[in-house]
Amino acid sequence: MSQTPMRWCAGVVFSVIPTQDCCFYRVPGVYMLCRRDPAGVHILYIGQTTNIAKRLGPAHEYWGAALQLGMNEVHLHLLAKAELHRLAVESHLVERYAPPLNRQRRAA
């Protein structure tokens, strides 16, 4: 049995999964749509939801844009169960990393 890779980001632990595996996580969490390349990990969008499986995928409003920017993995933080905690983690990370698609959302 293989283990899911973990990544720390601004003091928050994330599980790293392929984009197609989002449908298996029917739980609340904070997510990051990311591109990994030889230069490192680039965070494209950060969000939170009550159900990762329902939220993530082609129907997500930034999924297509993230794919165009090279998204090839999703990072999940599953420890923040309560909405208040998820919003705090999301806000902390967006402020720290200013992902391009979150900036686009603010401008709209």
PDB file of N, CA and C in Angstrom:
ATOM      1  N   MET A   1       0.833  -1.177   0.000  1.00  0.00           N
ATOM      2  CA  MET A   1       0.000   0.000   0.000  1.00  0.00           C
ATOM      3  C   MET A   1       0.880   1.244   0.000  1.00  0.00           C
ATOM      4  N   SER A   2       0.650   2.132  -0.972  1.00  0.00           N
ATOM      5  CA  SER A   2       1.464   3.342  -1.053  1.00  0.00           C
ATOM      6  C   SER A   2       0.877   4.433  -0.173  1.00  0.00           C
ATOM      7  N   GLN A   3       1.731   5.308   0.304  1.00  0.00           N
ATOM      8  CA  GLN A   3       1.285   6.395   1.153  1.00  0.00           C
ATOM      9  C   GLN A   3       1.142   7.667   0.329  1.00  0.00           C
ATOM     10  N   THR A   4       0.194   8.504   0.723  1.00  0.00           N
ATOM     11  CA  THR A   4       0.004   9.788   0.076  1.00  0.00           C
ATOM     12  C   THR A   4       1.124  10.719   0.511  1.00  0.00           C
ATOM     13  N   PRO A   5       1.805  11.362  -0.451  1.00  0.00           N
ATOM     14  CA  PRO A   5       2.850  12.313  -0.063  1.00  0.00           C
ATOM     15  C   PRO A   5       2.257  13.481   0.728  1.00  0.00           C
ATOM     16  N   MET A   6       3.045  13.988   1.672  1.00  0.00           N
ATOM     17  CA  MET A   6       2.612  15.113   2.496  1.00  0.00           C
ATOM     18  C   MET A   6       3.488  16.316   2.179  1.00  0.00           C
ATOM     19  N   ARG A   7       2.926  17.498   2.385  1.00  0.00           N
ATOM     20  CA  ARG A   7       3.657  18.738   2.162  1.00  0.00           C
ATOM     21  C   ARG A   7       3.221  19.740   3.212  1.00  0.00           C
ATOM     22  N   TRP A   8       4.175  20.447   3.788  1.00  0.00           N
ATOM     23  CA  TRP A   8       3.876  21.526   4.734  1.00  0.00           C
ATOM     24  C   TRP A   8       3.870  22.829   3.963  1.00  0.00           C
ATOM     25  N   CYS A   9       2.889  23.673   4.251  1.00  0.00           N
ATOM     26  CA  CYS A   9       2.768  24.951   3.568  1.00  0.00           C
ATOM     27  C   CYS A   9       2.340  25.990   4.595  1.00  0.00           C
ATOM     28  N   ALA A  10       3.220  26.888   4.939  1.00  0.00           N
ATOM     29  CA  ALA A  10       2.934  27.946   5.924  1.00  0.00           C
ATOM     30  C   ALA A  10       2.402  27.365   7.233  1.00  0.00           C
ATOM     31  N   GLY A  11       2.987  26.266   7.676  1.00  0.00           N
ATOM     32  CA  GLY A  11       2.604  25.653   8.935  1.00  0.00           C
ATOM     33  C   GLY A  11       1.388  24.749   8.870  1.00  0.00           C
ATOM     34  N   VAL A  12       0.870  24.486   7.666  1.00  0.00           N
ATOM     35  CA  VAL A  12      -0.313  23.653   7.478  1.00  0.00           C
ATOM     36  C   VAL A  12       0.091  22.418   6.676  1.00  0.00           C
ATOM     37  N   VAL A  13      -0.327  21.233   7.158  1.00  0.00           N
ATOM     38  CA  VAL A  13       0.039  19.996   6.462  1.00  0.00           C
ATOM     39  C   VAL A  13      -1.020  19.672   5.402  1.00  0.00           C
ATOM     40  N   PHE A  14      -0.544  19.280   4.229  1.00  0.00           N
ATOM     41  CA  PHE A  14      -1.400  18.925   3.107  1.00  0.00           C
ATOM     42  C   PHE A  14      -1.028  17.545   2.586  1.00  0.00           C
ATOM     43  N   SER A  15      -2.040  16.811   2.120  1.00  0.00           N
ATOM     44  CA  SER A  15      -1.827  15.575   1.369  1.00  0.00           C
ATOM     45  C   SER A  15      -1.782  15.962  -0.104  1.00  0.00           C
ATOM     46  N   VAL A  16      -0.863  15.390  -0.850  1.00  0.00           N
ATOM     47  CA  VAL A  16      -0.715  15.690  -2.267  1.00  0.00           C
ATOM     48  C   VAL A  16      -1.319  14.542  -3.063  1.00  0.00           C
ATOM     49  N   ILE A  17      -2.296  14.871  -3.931  1.00  0.00           N
ATOM     50  CA  ILE A  17      -2.969  13.834  -4.718  1.00  0.00           C
ATOM     51  C   ILE A  17      -3.017  14.240  -6.189  1.00  0.00           C
ATOM     52  N   PRO A  18      -3.131  13.260  -7.085  1.00  0.00           N
ATOM     53  CA  PRO A  18      -3.346  13.587  -8.503  1.00  0.00           C
ATOM     54  C   PRO A  18      -4.725  14.234  -8.677  1.00  0.00           C
ATOM     55  N   THR A  19      -4.889  15.056  -9.681  1.00  0.00           N
ATOM     56  CA  THR A  19      -6.148  15.777  -9.887  1.00  0.00           C
ATOM     57  C   THR A  19      -7.340  14.829 -10.021  1.00  0.00           C
ATOM     58  N   GLN A  20      -7.159  13.688 -10.618  1.00  0.00           N
ATOM     59  CA  GLN A  20      -8.280  12.770 -10.854  1.00  0.00           C
ATOM     60  C   GLN A  20      -8.748  12.048  -9.585  1.00  0.00           C
ATOM     61  N   ASP A  21      -8.014  12.140  -8.485  1.00  0.00           N
ATOM     62  CA  ASP A  21      -8.386  11.436  -7.254  1.00  0.00           C
ATOM     63  C   ASP A  21      -9.266  12.260  -6.313  1.00  0.00           C
ATOM     64  N   CYS A  22      -9.630  13.469  -6.683  1.00  0.00           N
ATOM     65  CA  CYS A  22     -10.463  14.330  -5.823  1.00  0.00           C
ATOM     66  C   CYS A  22     -11.808  13.689  -5.513  1.00  0.00           C
ATOM     67  N   CYS A  23     -12.327  12.885  -6.425  1.00  0.00           N
ATOM     68  CA  CYS A  23     -13.664  12.304  -6.257  1.00  0.00           C
ATOM     69  C   CYS A  23     -13.742  11.329  -5.087  1.00  0.00           C
ATOM     70  N   PHE A  24     -12.623  10.906  -4.540  1.00  0.00           N
ATOM     71  CA  PHE A  24     -12.610   9.946  -3.433  1.00  0.00           C
ATOM     72  C   PHE A  24     -12.728  10.619  -2.056  1.00  0.00           C
ATOM     73  N   TYR A  25     -12.659  11.929  -2.004  1.00  0.00           N
ATOM     74  CA  TYR A  25     -12.625  12.657  -0.727  1.00  0.00           C
ATOM     75  C   TYR A  25     -13.957  13.360  -0.485  1.00  0.00           C
ATOM     76  N   ARG A  26     -14.885  12.652   0.112  1.00  0.00           N
ATOM     77  CA  ARG A  26     -16.216  13.199   0.416  1.00  0.00           C
ATOM     78  C   ARG A  26     -16.231  13.777   1.835  1.00  0.00           C
ATOM     79  N   VAL A  27     -15.303  14.640   2.103  1.00  0.00           N
ATOM     80  CA  VAL A  27     -15.106  15.233   3.425  1.00  0.00           C
ATOM     81  C   VAL A  27     -14.820  16.731   3.266  1.00  0.00           C
ATOM     82  N   PRO A  28     -14.974  17.496   4.355  1.00  0.00           N
ATOM     83  CA  PRO A  28     -14.627  18.915   4.296  1.00  0.00           C
ATOM     84  C   PRO A  28     -13.120  19.103   4.272  1.00  0.00           C
ATOM     85  N   GLY A  29     -12.680  20.233   3.742  1.00  0.00           N
ATOM     86  CA  GLY A  29     -11.252  20.513   3.748  1.00  0.00           C
ATOM     87  C   GLY A  29     -10.896  21.799   3.036  1.00  0.00           C
ATOM     88  N   VAL A  30      -9.631  22.118   3.115  1.00  0.00           N
ATOM     89  CA  VAL A  30      -9.036  23.228   2.375  1.00  0.00           C
ATOM     90  C   VAL A  30      -8.240  22.598   1.247  1.00  0.00           C
ATOM     91  N   TYR A  31      -8.319  23.178   0.061  1.00  0.00           N
ATOM     92  CA  TYR A  31      -7.628  22.599  -1.088  1.00  0.00           C
ATOM     93  C   TYR A  31      -6.807  23.657  -1.818  1.00  0.00           C
ATOM     94  N   MET A  32      -5.754  23.188  -2.465  1.00  0.00           N
ATOM     95  CA  MET A  32      -4.939  24.046  -3.314  1.00  0.00           C
ATOM     96  C   MET A  32      -4.795  23.355  -4.670  1.00  0.00           C
ATOM     97  N   LEU A  33      -5.113  24.079  -5.725  1.00  0.00           N
ATOM     98  CA  LEU A  33      -4.886  23.596  -7.082  1.00  0.00           C
ATOM     99  C   LEU A  33      -3.460  24.018  -7.434  1.00  0.00           C
ATOM    100  N   CYS A  34      -2.602  23.041  -7.773  1.00  0.00           N
ATOM    101  CA  CYS A  34      -1.172  23.317  -7.900  1.00  0.00           C
ATOM    102  C   CYS A  34      -0.576  22.770  -9.195  1.00  0.00           C
ATOM    103  N   ARG A  35       0.540  23.375  -9.580  1.00  0.00           N
ATOM    104  CA  ARG A  35       1.377  22.871 -10.679  1.00  0.00           C
ATOM    105  C   ARG A  35       2.747  22.552 -10.084  1.00  0.00           C
ATOM    106  N   ARG A  36       3.173  21.322 -10.269  1.00  0.00           N
ATOM    107  CA  ARG A  36       4.526  20.934  -9.853  1.00  0.00           C
ATOM    108  C   ARG A  36       5.375  20.815 -11.110  1.00  0.00           C
ATOM    109  N   ASP A  37       6.519  21.479 -11.108  1.00  0.00           N
ATOM    110  CA  ASP A  37       7.465  21.385 -12.215  1.00  0.00           C
ATOM    111  C   ASP A  37       8.872  21.358 -11.626  1.00  0.00           C
ATOM    112  N   PRO A  38       9.898  21.271 -12.453  1.00  0.00           N
ATOM    113  CA  PRO A  38      11.264  21.193 -11.904  1.00  0.00           C
ATOM    114  C   PRO A  38      11.642  22.368 -10.998  1.00  0.00           C
ATOM    115  N   ALA A  39      10.989  23.511 -11.162  1.00  0.00           N
ATOM    116  CA  ALA A  39      11.297  24.681 -10.334  1.00  0.00           C
ATOM    117  C   ALA A  39      10.623  24.615  -8.969  1.00  0.00           C
ATOM    118  N   GLY A  40       9.666  23.693  -8.799  1.00  0.00           N
ATOM    119  CA  GLY A  40       8.985  23.571  -7.517  1.00  0.00           C
ATOM    120  C   GLY A  40       7.485  23.485  -7.667  1.00  0.00           C
ATOM    121  N   VAL A  41       6.773  23.795  -6.578  1.00  0.00           N
ATOM    122  CA  VAL A  41       5.313  23.759  -6.552  1.00  0.00           C
ATOM    123  C   VAL A  41       4.792  25.185  -6.656  1.00  0.00           C
ATOM    124  N   HIS A  42       3.843  25.387  -7.556  1.00  0.00           N
ATOM    125  CA  HIS A  42       3.229  26.692  -7.766  1.00  0.00           C
ATOM    126  C   HIS A  42       1.750  26.581  -7.388  1.00  0.00           C
ATOM    127  N   ILE A  43       1.324  27.358  -6.426  1.00  0.00           N
ATOM    128  CA  ILE A  43      -0.069  27.343  -5.980  1.00  0.00           C
ATOM    129  C   ILE A  43      -0.861  28.257  -6.907  1.00  0.00           C
ATOM    130  N   LEU A  44      -1.872  27.686  -7.556  1.00  0.00           N
ATOM    131  CA  LEU A  44      -2.667  28.427  -8.526  1.00  0.00           C
ATOM    132  C   LEU A  44      -3.968  28.967  -7.928  1.00  0.00           C
ATOM    133  N   TYR A  45      -4.556  28.215  -7.000  1.00  0.00           N
ATOM    134  CA  TYR A  45      -5.823  28.614  -6.384  1.00  0.00           C
ATOM    135  C   TYR A  45      -5.955  27.920  -5.037  1.00  0.00           C
ATOM    136  N   ILE A  46      -6.520  28.628  -4.065  1.00  0.00           N
ATOM    137  CA  ILE A  46      -6.773  28.068  -2.736  1.00  0.00           C
ATOM    138  C   ILE A  46      -8.246  28.281  -2.412  1.00  0.00           C
ATOM    139  N   GLY A  47      -8.893  27.223  -1.906  1.00  0.00           N
ATOM    140  CA  GLY A  47     -10.297  27.319  -1.515  1.00  0.00           C
ATOM    141  C   GLY A  47     -10.607  26.368  -0.376  1.00  0.00           C
ATOM    142  N   GLN A  48     -11.863  26.404   0.075  1.00  0.00           N
ATOM    143  CA  GLN A  48     -12.308  25.502   1.139  1.00  0.00           C
ATOM    144  C   GLN A  48     -13.719  25.052   0.792  1.00  0.00           C
ATOM    145  N   THR A  49     -14.114  23.902   1.322  1.00  0.00           N
ATOM    146  CA  THR A  49     -15.413  23.341   0.990  1.00  0.00           C
ATOM    147  C   THR A  49     -15.880  22.362   2.062  1.00  0.00           C
ATOM    148  N   THR A  50     -17.172  22.093   2.054  1.00  0.00           N
ATOM    149  CA  THR A  50     -17.728  21.082   2.957  1.00  0.00           C
ATOM    150  C   THR A  50     -17.588  19.681   2.376  1.00  0.00           C
ATOM    151  N   ASN A  51     -17.362  19.576   1.051  1.00  0.00           N
ATOM    152  CA  ASN A  51     -17.258  18.275   0.398  1.00  0.00           C
ATOM    153  C   ASN A  51     -16.320  18.386  -0.800  1.00  0.00           C
ATOM    154  N   ILE A  52     -15.108  17.923  -0.636  1.00  0.00           N
ATOM    155  CA  ILE A  52     -14.097  18.039  -1.689  1.00  0.00           C
ATOM    156  C   ILE A  52     -14.545  17.362  -2.975  1.00  0.00           C
ATOM    157  N   ALA A  53     -15.123  16.157  -2.874  1.00  0.00           N
ATOM    158  CA  ALA A  53     -15.536  15.413  -4.057  1.00  0.00           C
ATOM    159  C   ALA A  53     -16.576  16.177  -4.878  1.00  0.00           C
ATOM    160  N   LYS A  54     -17.497  16.848  -4.210  1.00  0.00           N
ATOM    161  CA  LYS A  54     -18.533  17.608  -4.923  1.00  0.00           C
ATOM    162  C   LYS A  54     -17.994  18.916  -5.488  1.00  0.00           C
ATOM    163  N   ARG A  55     -17.043  19.517  -4.801  1.00  0.00           N
ATOM    164  CA  ARG A  55     -16.544  20.849  -5.182  1.00  0.00           C
ATOM    165  C   ARG A  55     -15.528  20.814  -6.311  1.00  0.00           C
ATOM    166  N   LEU A  56     -14.618  19.829  -6.263  1.00  0.00           N
ATOM    167  CA  LEU A  56     -13.512  19.832  -7.222  1.00  0.00           C
ATOM    168  C   LEU A  56     -13.826  19.000  -8.456  1.00  0.00           C
ATOM    169  N   GLY A  57     -13.307  19.446  -9.568  1.00  0.00           N
ATOM    170  CA  GLY A  57     -13.512  18.777 -10.840  1.00  0.00           C
ATOM    171  C   GLY A  57     -13.849  19.802 -11.905  1.00  0.00           C
ATOM    172  N   PRO A  58     -14.197  19.346 -13.086  1.00  0.00           N
ATOM    173  CA  PRO A  58     -14.437  20.258 -14.216  1.00  0.00           C
ATOM    174  C   PRO A  58     -15.499  21.328 -13.975  1.00  0.00           C
ATOM    175  N   ALA A  59     -16.443  21.108 -13.052  1.00  0.00           N
ATOM    176  CA  ALA A  59     -17.478  22.106 -12.783  1.00  0.00           C
ATOM    177  C   ALA A  59     -16.972  23.265 -11.905  1.00  0.00           C
ATOM    178  N   HIS A  60     -15.825  23.117 -11.274  1.00  0.00           N
ATOM    179  CA  HIS A  60     -15.256  24.186 -10.432  1.00  0.00           C
ATOM    180  C   HIS A  60     -14.944  25.388 -11.324  1.00  0.00           C
ATOM    181  N   GLU A  61     -15.288  26.584 -10.855  1.00  0.00           N
ATOM    182  CA  GLU A  61     -15.154  27.778 -11.696  1.00  0.00           C
ATOM    183  C   GLU A  61     -13.727  28.101 -12.112  1.00  0.00           C
ATOM    184  N   TYR A  62     -12.711  27.586 -11.411  1.00  0.00           N
ATOM    185  CA  TYR A  62     -11.320  27.856 -11.784  1.00  0.00           C
ATOM    186  C   TYR A  62     -10.570  26.606 -12.244  1.00  0.00           C
ATOM    187  N   TRP A  63     -11.245  25.475 -12.370  1.00  0.00           N
ATOM    188  CA  TRP A  63     -10.596  24.226 -12.771  1.00  0.00           C
ATOM    189  C   TRP A  63      -9.959  24.366 -14.157  1.00  0.00           C
ATOM    190  N   GLY A  64     -10.727  24.856 -15.116  1.00  0.00           N
ATOM    191  CA  GLY A  64     -10.206  25.018 -16.482  1.00  0.00           C
ATOM    192  C   GLY A  64      -9.030  25.971 -16.542  1.00  0.00           C
ATOM    193  N   ALA A  65      -9.145  27.084 -15.835  1.00  0.00           N
ATOM    194  CA  ALA A  65      -8.045  28.054 -15.813  1.00  0.00           C
ATOM    195  C   ALA A  65      -6.805  27.449 -15.162  1.00  0.00           C
ATOM    196  N   ALA A  66      -7.009  26.669 -14.093  1.00  0.00           N
ATOM    197  CA  ALA A  66      -5.874  26.015 -13.430  1.00  0.00           C
ATOM    198  C   ALA A  66      -5.220  24.998 -14.374  1.00  0.00           C
ATOM    199  N   LEU A  67      -6.035  24.261 -15.115  1.00  0.00           N
ATOM    200  CA  LEU A  67      -5.470  23.313 -16.096  1.00  0.00           C
ATOM    201  C   LEU A  67      -4.657  24.056 -17.155  1.00  0.00           C
ATOM    202  N   GLN A  68      -5.153  25.193 -17.604  1.00  0.00           N
ATOM    203  CA  GLN A  68      -4.411  25.984 -18.599  1.00  0.00           C
ATOM    204  C   GLN A  68      -3.083  26.485 -18.039  1.00  0.00           C
ATOM    205  N   LEU A  69      -3.036  26.694 -16.724  1.00  0.00           N
ATOM    206  CA  LEU A  69      -1.793  27.125 -16.071  1.00  0.00           C
ATOM    207  C   LEU A  69      -0.898  25.945 -15.695  1.00  0.00           C
ATOM    208  N   GLY A  70      -1.322  24.721 -16.077  1.00  0.00           N
ATOM    209  CA  GLY A  70      -0.481  23.547 -15.857  1.00  0.00           C
ATOM    210  C   GLY A  70      -0.795  22.736 -14.619  1.00  0.00           C
ATOM    211  N   MET A  71      -1.964  22.937 -13.992  1.00  0.00           N
ATOM    212  CA  MET A  71      -2.297  22.174 -12.788  1.00  0.00           C
ATOM    213  C   MET A  71      -2.106  20.681 -13.036  1.00  0.00           C
ATOM    214  N   ASN A  72      -1.381  20.033 -12.132  1.00  0.00           N
ATOM    215  CA  ASN A  72      -1.177  18.582 -12.247  1.00  0.00           C
ATOM    216  C   ASN A  72      -1.300  17.858 -10.911  1.00  0.00           C
ATOM    217  N   GLU A  73      -1.651  18.587  -9.863  1.00  0.00           N
ATOM    218  CA  GLU A  73      -1.915  17.942  -8.579  1.00  0.00           C
ATOM    219  C   GLU A  73      -2.768  18.855  -7.710  1.00  0.00           C
ATOM    220  N   VAL A  74      -3.397  18.242  -6.703  1.00  0.00           N
ATOM    221  CA  VAL A  74      -4.226  18.958  -5.745  1.00  0.00           C
ATOM    222  C   VAL A  74      -3.669  18.664  -4.358  1.00  0.00           C
ATOM    223  N   HIS A  75      -3.605  19.674  -3.520  1.00  0.00           N
ATOM    224  CA  HIS A  75      -3.141  19.508  -2.141  1.00  0.00           C
ATOM    225  C   HIS A  75      -4.350  19.687  -1.229  1.00  0.00           C
ATOM    226  N   LEU A  76      -4.544  18.752  -0.305  1.00  0.00           N
ATOM    227  CA  LEU A  76      -5.712  18.756   0.576  1.00  0.00           C
ATOM    228  C   LEU A  76      -5.295  18.850   2.038  1.00  0.00           C
ATOM    229  N   HIS A  77      -5.953  19.751   2.761  1.00  0.00           N
ATOM    230  CA  HIS A  77      -5.804  19.845   4.211  1.00  0.00           C
ATOM    231  C   HIS A  77      -7.124  19.371   4.800  1.00  0.00           C
ATOM    232  N   LEU A  78      -7.117  18.226   5.469  1.00  0.00           N
ATOM    233  CA  LEU A  78      -8.342  17.586   5.931  1.00  0.00           C
ATOM    234  C   LEU A  78      -8.574  17.719   7.431  1.00  0.00           C
ATOM    235  N   LEU A  79      -7.731  18.439   8.130  1.00  0.00           N
ATOM    236  CA  LEU A  79      -7.840  18.530   9.582  1.00  0.00           C
ATOM    237  C   LEU A  79      -8.784  19.642  10.044  1.00  0.00           C
ATOM    238  N   ALA A  80      -9.054  20.614   9.208  1.00  0.00           N
ATOM    239  CA  ALA A  80      -9.952  21.716   9.571  1.00  0.00           C
ATOM    240  C   ALA A  80     -11.376  21.324   9.193  1.00  0.00           C
ATOM    241  N   LYS A  81     -12.084  20.726  10.128  1.00  0.00           N
ATOM    242  CA  LYS A  81     -13.442  20.220   9.855  1.00  0.00           C
ATOM    243  C   LYS A  81     -14.497  21.322   9.918  1.00  0.00           C
ATOM    244  N   ALA A  82     -14.396  22.208  10.897  1.00  0.00           N
ATOM    245  CA  ALA A  82     -15.384  23.272  11.075  1.00  0.00           C
ATOM    246  C   ALA A  82     -15.158  24.383  10.057  1.00  0.00           C
ATOM    247  N   GLU A  83     -16.247  24.965   9.567  1.00  0.00           N
ATOM    248  CA  GLU A  83     -16.141  26.017   8.550  1.00  0.00           C
ATOM    249  C   GLU A  83     -15.274  27.177   9.027  1.00  0.00           C
ATOM    250  N   LEU A  84     -15.409  27.570  10.278  1.00  0.00           N
ATOM    251  CA  LEU A  84     -14.612  28.662  10.831  1.00  0.00           C
ATOM    252  C   LEU A  84     -13.120  28.372  10.700  1.00  0.00           C
ATOM    253  N   HIS A  85     -12.717  27.142  10.979  1.00  0.00           N
ATOM    254  CA  HIS A  85     -11.304  26.757  10.873  1.00  0.00           C
ATOM    255  C   HIS A  85     -10.856  26.707   9.420  1.00  0.00           C
ATOM    256  N   ARG A  86     -11.704  26.162   8.544  1.00  0.00           N
ATOM    257  CA  ARG A  86     -11.354  26.111   7.117  1.00  0.00           C
ATOM    258  C   ARG A  86     -11.172  27.520   6.559  1.00  0.00           C
ATOM    259  N   LEU A  87     -12.071  28.420   6.907  1.00  0.00           N
ATOM    260  CA  LEU A  87     -11.967  29.799   6.425  1.00  0.00           C
ATOM    261  C   LEU A  87     -10.702  30.477   6.940  1.00  0.00           C
ATOM    262  N   ALA A  88     -10.335  30.188   8.188  1.00  0.00           N
ATOM    263  CA  ALA A  88      -9.112  30.772   8.755  1.00  0.00           C
ATOM    264  C   ALA A  88      -7.875  30.261   8.023  1.00  0.00           C
ATOM    265  N   VAL A  89      -7.823  28.960   7.745  1.00  0.00           N
ATOM    266  CA  VAL A  89      -6.680  28.381   7.024  1.00  0.00           C
ATOM    267  C   VAL A  89      -6.630  28.943   5.606  1.00  0.00           C
ATOM    268  N   GLU A  90      -7.784  28.956   4.925  1.00  0.00           N
ATOM    269  CA  GLU A  90      -7.844  29.488   3.556  1.00  0.00           C
ATOM    270  C   GLU A  90      -7.349  30.931   3.521  1.00  0.00           C
ATOM    271  N   SER A  91      -7.856  31.765   4.409  1.00  0.00           N
ATOM    272  CA  SER A  91      -7.481  33.172   4.453  1.00  0.00           C
ATOM    273  C   SER A  91      -5.989  33.353   4.713  1.00  0.00           C
ATOM    274  N   HIS A  92      -5.456  32.591   5.665  1.00  0.00           N
ATOM    275  CA  HIS A  92      -4.026  32.639   5.995  1.00  0.00           C
ATOM    276  C   HIS A  92      -3.170  32.315   4.767  1.00  0.00           C
ATOM    277  N   LEU A  93      -3.539  31.258   4.055  1.00  0.00           N
ATOM    278  CA  LEU A  93      -2.748  30.827   2.902  1.00  0.00           C
ATOM    279  C   LEU A  93      -2.887  31.777   1.711  1.00  0.00           C
ATOM    280  N   VAL A  94      -4.097  32.267   1.461  1.00  0.00           N
ATOM    281  CA  VAL A  94      -4.297  33.208   0.344  1.00  0.00           C
ATOM    282  C   VAL A  94      -3.502  34.482   0.593  1.00  0.00           C
ATOM    283  N   GLU A  95      -3.529  34.967   1.830  1.00  0.00           N
ATOM    284  CA  GLU A  95      -2.770  36.172   2.160  1.00  0.00           C
ATOM    285  C   GLU A  95      -1.269  35.944   1.998  1.00  0.00           C
ATOM    286  N   ARG A  96      -0.809  34.789   2.409  1.00  0.00           N
ATOM    287  CA  ARG A  96       0.631  34.488   2.355  1.00  0.00           C
ATOM    288  C   ARG A  96       1.137  34.276   0.931  1.00  0.00           C
ATOM    289  N   TYR A  97       0.361  33.546   0.092  1.00  0.00           N
ATOM    290  CA  TYR A  97       0.859  33.141  -1.229  1.00  0.00           C
ATOM    291  C   TYR A  97       0.246  33.905  -2.401  1.00  0.00           C
ATOM    292  N   ALA A  98      -0.869  34.583  -2.228  1.00  0.00           N
ATOM    293  CA  ALA A  98      -1.537  35.360  -3.283  1.00  0.00           C
ATOM    294  C   ALA A  98      -1.578  34.605  -4.615  1.00  0.00           C
ATOM    295  N   PRO A  99      -2.234  33.421  -4.639  1.00  0.00           N
ATOM    296  CA  PRO A  99      -2.285  32.642  -5.887  1.00  0.00           C
ATOM    297  C   PRO A  99      -2.941  33.438  -7.017  1.00  0.00           C
ATOM    298  N   PRO A 100      -2.498  33.249  -8.247  1.00  0.00           N
ATOM    299  CA  PRO A 100      -3.006  34.060  -9.359  1.00  0.00           C
ATOM    300  C   PRO A 100      -4.516  33.959  -9.564  1.00  0.00           C
ATOM    301  N   LEU A 101      -5.099  32.796  -9.385  1.00  0.00           N
ATOM    302  CA  LEU A 101      -6.531  32.662  -9.623  1.00  0.00           C
ATOM    303  C   LEU A 101      -7.355  33.237  -8.469  1.00  0.00           C
ATOM    304  N   ASN A 102      -6.818  33.297  -7.270  1.00  0.00           N
ATOM    305  CA  ASN A 102      -7.495  33.983  -6.168  1.00  0.00           C
ATOM    306  C   ASN A 102      -7.467  35.495  -6.400  1.00  0.00           C
ATOM    307  N   ARG A 103      -6.363  36.008  -6.938  1.00  0.00           N
ATOM    308  CA  ARG A 103      -6.283  37.441  -7.249  1.00  0.00           C
ATOM    309  C   ARG A 103      -7.290  37.785  -8.339  1.00  0.00           C
ATOM    310  N   GLN A 104      -7.447  36.885  -9.303  1.00  0.00           N
ATOM    311  CA  GLN A 104      -8.417  37.088 -10.385  1.00  0.00           C
ATOM    312  C   GLN A 104      -9.823  37.147  -9.818  1.00  0.00           C
ATOM    313  N   ARG A 105     -10.123  36.283  -8.831  1.00  0.00           N
ATOM    314  CA  ARG A 105     -11.433  36.244  -8.195  1.00  0.00           C
ATOM    315  C   ARG A 105     -11.728  37.545  -7.478  1.00  0.00           C
ATOM    316  N   ARG A 106     -10.741  38.090  -6.777  1.00  0.00           N
ATOM    317  CA  ARG A 106     -10.930  39.361  -6.056  1.00  0.00           C
ATOM    318  C   ARG A 106     -11.201  40.505  -7.017  1.00  0.00           C
ATOM    319  N   ALA A 107     -10.556  40.477  -8.186  1.00  0.00           N
ATOM    320  CA  ALA A 107     -10.703  41.557  -9.165  1.00  0.00           C
ATOM    321  C   ALA A 107     -12.080  41.537  -9.825  1.00  0.00           C
ATOM    322  N   ALA A 108     -12.717  40.375  -9.845  1.00  0.00           N
ATOM    323  CA  ALA A 108     -14.007  40.245 -10.549  1.00  0.00           C
ATOM    324  C   ALA A 108     -15.144  40.915  -9.819  1.00  0.00           C
TER     325      ALA A 108
END
